[in-house]
Amino acid sequence: MAVQVDPNGTPTGCEVVRSSGHAVLDEATCRTVVRRVRFDPARDRQGRAVSGICRPINVRWQLPPESKPGE
């Protein structure tokens, strides 16, 4: 995915560039990144924070191990 980031390091948009094969999972991942992730902003040559695009971002979802009955 590619994430648009504002000068404050806040994501302002997300685009899936390589699908997981599941549109619902792709959309949920973008929503989660935009809501919860914060970045160090890009900097121009004078060191000022600027908007930019962070790519590629690879996200790997993993289910927790199954717990045994009684645990």
N, C-alpha and C. Protein backbone atom coordinates (compact mmCIF):
# COMPACT_ATOMS: atom_id res chain seq x y z
N MET A 1 0.83 -1.16 0.00
CA MET A 1 0.00 0.00 0.00
C MET A 1 0.88 1.23 0.00
N ALA A 2 0.30 2.31 -0.43
CA ALA A 2 0.97 3.61 -0.41
C ALA A 2 0.10 4.52 0.45
N VAL A 3 0.74 5.26 1.35
CA VAL A 3 0.01 6.12 2.28
C VAL A 3 0.44 7.56 2.07
N GLN A 4 -0.52 8.44 1.87
CA GLN A 4 -0.25 9.87 1.78
C GLN A 4 -0.15 10.40 3.21
N VAL A 5 0.89 11.19 3.48
CA VAL A 5 1.15 11.68 4.83
C VAL A 5 1.29 13.20 4.79
N ASP A 6 0.61 13.88 5.71
CA ASP A 6 0.69 15.34 5.76
C ASP A 6 1.94 15.79 6.52
N PRO A 7 2.21 17.09 6.56
CA PRO A 7 3.42 17.57 7.24
C PRO A 7 3.47 17.29 8.74
N ASN A 8 2.34 16.93 9.34
CA ASN A 8 2.32 16.58 10.76
C ASN A 8 2.59 15.10 10.99
N GLY A 9 2.71 14.32 9.92
CA GLY A 9 2.93 12.88 10.05
C GLY A 9 1.63 12.08 10.11
N THR A 10 0.52 12.75 9.83
CA THR A 10 -0.79 12.10 9.88
C THR A 10 -1.17 11.60 8.49
N PRO A 11 -1.56 10.31 8.39
CA PRO A 11 -2.01 9.80 7.09
C PRO A 11 -3.28 10.51 6.63
N THR A 12 -3.32 10.86 5.36
CA THR A 12 -4.50 11.52 4.79
C THR A 12 -5.17 10.67 3.72
N GLY A 13 -4.55 9.57 3.35
CA GLY A 13 -5.12 8.70 2.35
C GLY A 13 -4.31 7.44 2.22
N CYS A 14 -4.90 6.46 1.58
CA CYS A 14 -4.25 5.16 1.43
C CYS A 14 -4.70 4.53 0.12
N GLU A 15 -3.76 3.88 -0.54
CA GLU A 15 -4.07 3.18 -1.79
C GLU A 15 -3.43 1.79 -1.75
N VAL A 16 -4.22 0.79 -2.06
CA VAL A 16 -3.70 -0.57 -2.13
C VAL A 16 -2.99 -0.72 -3.47
N VAL A 17 -1.71 -1.05 -3.44
CA VAL A 17 -0.96 -1.23 -4.68
C VAL A 17 -0.74 -2.71 -4.99
N ARG A 18 -0.89 -3.56 -3.99
CA ARG A 18 -0.85 -5.01 -4.21
C ARG A 18 -1.87 -5.63 -3.27
N SER A 19 -2.92 -6.17 -3.84
CA SER A 19 -4.03 -6.70 -3.05
C SER A 19 -3.66 -7.98 -2.34
N SER A 20 -4.30 -8.17 -1.21
CA SER A 20 -4.17 -9.43 -0.48
C SER A 20 -5.01 -10.51 -1.17
N GLY A 21 -5.84 -10.07 -2.09
CA GLY A 21 -6.78 -11.00 -2.73
C GLY A 21 -8.16 -10.94 -2.08
N HIS A 22 -8.27 -10.12 -1.04
CA HIS A 22 -9.54 -9.99 -0.31
C HIS A 22 -9.83 -8.50 -0.14
N ALA A 23 -10.75 -7.98 -0.92
CA ALA A 23 -11.05 -6.55 -0.91
C ALA A 23 -11.42 -6.03 0.47
N VAL A 24 -12.18 -6.81 1.23
CA VAL A 24 -12.59 -6.38 2.57
C VAL A 24 -11.37 -6.20 3.47
N LEU A 25 -10.43 -7.12 3.41
CA LEU A 25 -9.21 -7.02 4.21
C LEU A 25 -8.36 -5.83 3.76
N ASP A 26 -8.24 -5.63 2.45
CA ASP A 26 -7.49 -4.48 1.93
C ASP A 26 -8.08 -3.17 2.44
N GLU A 27 -9.38 -3.03 2.37
CA GLU A 27 -10.05 -1.81 2.80
C GLU A 27 -9.89 -1.60 4.31
N ALA A 28 -10.03 -2.67 5.08
CA ALA A 28 -9.88 -2.57 6.54
C ALA A 28 -8.46 -2.19 6.91
N THR A 29 -7.49 -2.70 6.18
CA THR A 29 -6.09 -2.35 6.45
C THR A 29 -5.85 -0.87 6.20
N CYS A 30 -6.33 -0.35 5.08
CA CYS A 30 -6.17 1.08 4.80
C CYS A 30 -6.87 1.92 5.86
N ARG A 31 -8.07 1.56 6.24
CA ARG A 31 -8.78 2.32 7.27
C ARG A 31 -7.99 2.33 8.58
N THR A 32 -7.45 1.18 8.95
CA THR A 32 -6.69 1.08 10.19
C THR A 32 -5.43 1.93 10.14
N VAL A 33 -4.71 1.89 9.02
CA VAL A 33 -3.50 2.69 8.88
C VAL A 33 -3.82 4.17 8.99
N VAL A 34 -4.85 4.62 8.30
CA VAL A 34 -5.20 6.04 8.31
C VAL A 34 -5.64 6.48 9.71
N ARG A 35 -6.33 5.63 10.43
CA ARG A 35 -6.83 6.00 11.76
C ARG A 35 -5.76 5.92 12.85
N ARG A 36 -4.84 4.96 12.76
CA ARG A 36 -4.00 4.67 13.92
C ARG A 36 -2.50 4.89 13.76
N VAL A 37 -2.01 4.92 12.55
CA VAL A 37 -0.57 5.00 12.35
C VAL A 37 -0.14 6.46 12.22
N ARG A 38 1.01 6.78 12.79
CA ARG A 38 1.59 8.11 12.64
C ARG A 38 3.02 7.95 12.13
N PHE A 39 3.44 8.89 11.32
CA PHE A 39 4.73 8.83 10.66
C PHE A 39 5.58 10.03 11.05
N ASP A 40 6.89 9.89 10.89
CA ASP A 40 7.77 11.05 10.88
C ASP A 40 7.58 11.64 9.49
N PRO A 41 7.25 12.93 9.41
CA PRO A 41 6.97 13.51 8.08
C PRO A 41 8.23 13.58 7.22
N ALA A 42 7.99 13.66 5.92
CA ALA A 42 9.09 13.90 4.99
C ALA A 42 9.63 15.30 5.25
N ARG A 43 10.86 15.55 4.84
CA ARG A 43 11.50 16.86 5.05
C ARG A 43 12.04 17.37 3.72
N ASP A 44 11.95 18.69 3.53
CA ASP A 44 12.55 19.27 2.34
C ASP A 44 14.02 19.56 2.61
N ARG A 45 14.70 20.16 1.68
CA ARG A 45 16.15 20.41 1.83
C ARG A 45 16.48 21.35 2.98
N GLN A 46 15.52 22.17 3.37
CA GLN A 46 15.74 23.08 4.49
C GLN A 46 15.34 22.45 5.83
N GLY A 47 14.90 21.20 5.77
CA GLY A 47 14.52 20.50 7.00
C GLY A 47 13.10 20.73 7.44
N ARG A 48 12.31 21.42 6.62
CA ARG A 48 10.90 21.67 6.97
C ARG A 48 10.06 20.45 6.65
N ALA A 49 9.11 20.16 7.54
CA ALA A 49 8.19 19.04 7.31
C ALA A 49 7.30 19.34 6.11
N VAL A 50 7.14 18.35 5.24
CA VAL A 50 6.30 18.49 4.06
C VAL A 50 5.45 17.24 3.91
N SER A 51 4.41 17.33 3.11
CA SER A 51 3.60 16.15 2.84
C SER A 51 4.38 15.23 1.90
N GLY A 52 4.02 13.97 1.91
CA GLY A 52 4.70 13.00 1.06
C GLY A 52 3.91 11.71 0.98
N ILE A 53 4.49 10.76 0.29
CA ILE A 53 3.87 9.43 0.15
C ILE A 53 4.86 8.41 0.66
N CYS A 54 4.38 7.55 1.54
CA CYS A 54 5.20 6.47 2.08
C CYS A 54 4.79 5.19 1.36
N ARG A 55 5.76 4.60 0.66
CA ARG A 55 5.47 3.36 -0.05
C ARG A 55 6.73 2.57 -0.25
N PRO A 56 6.69 1.33 -0.44
CA PRO A 56 5.52 0.49 -0.15
C PRO A 56 5.47 0.20 1.33
N ILE A 57 4.28 0.01 1.81
CA ILE A 57 4.07 -0.44 3.18
C ILE A 57 3.46 -1.83 3.07
N ASN A 58 4.13 -2.79 3.65
CA ASN A 58 3.62 -4.15 3.65
C ASN A 58 3.04 -4.44 5.02
N VAL A 59 1.83 -4.94 5.05
CA VAL A 59 1.16 -5.28 6.29
C VAL A 59 0.91 -6.77 6.30
N ARG A 60 1.27 -7.40 7.39
CA ARG A 60 1.04 -8.84 7.54
C ARG A 60 0.12 -9.04 8.73
N TRP A 61 -1.06 -9.55 8.47
CA TRP A 61 -2.01 -9.86 9.53
C TRP A 61 -1.74 -11.29 9.99
N GLN A 62 -1.78 -11.50 11.28
CA GLN A 62 -1.55 -12.83 11.82
C GLN A 62 -2.57 -13.09 12.92
N LEU A 63 -3.23 -14.24 12.85
CA LEU A 63 -4.18 -14.62 13.88
C LEU A 63 -3.41 -15.10 15.10
N PRO A 64 -3.93 -14.81 16.30
CA PRO A 64 -3.25 -15.30 17.50
C PRO A 64 -3.36 -16.82 17.55
N PRO A 65 -2.41 -17.46 18.25
CA PRO A 65 -2.49 -18.93 18.38
C PRO A 65 -3.77 -19.30 19.09
N GLU A 66 -4.30 -20.43 18.71
CA GLU A 66 -5.53 -20.90 19.35
C GLU A 66 -5.25 -21.26 20.79
N SER A 67 -6.16 -20.84 21.67
CA SER A 67 -6.00 -21.23 23.06
C SER A 67 -6.72 -22.56 23.28
N LYS A 68 -6.24 -23.30 24.26
CA LYS A 68 -6.83 -24.59 24.57
C LYS A 68 -7.96 -24.37 25.57
N PRO A 69 -8.97 -25.22 25.53
CA PRO A 69 -10.09 -25.07 26.50
C PRO A 69 -9.55 -25.01 27.93
N GLY A 70 -10.10 -24.10 28.72
CA GLY A 70 -9.70 -23.96 30.11
C GLY A 70 -8.56 -22.99 30.32
N GLU A 71 -7.99 -22.46 29.23
CA GLU A 71 -6.89 -21.49 29.39
C GLU A 71 -7.43 -20.08 29.39
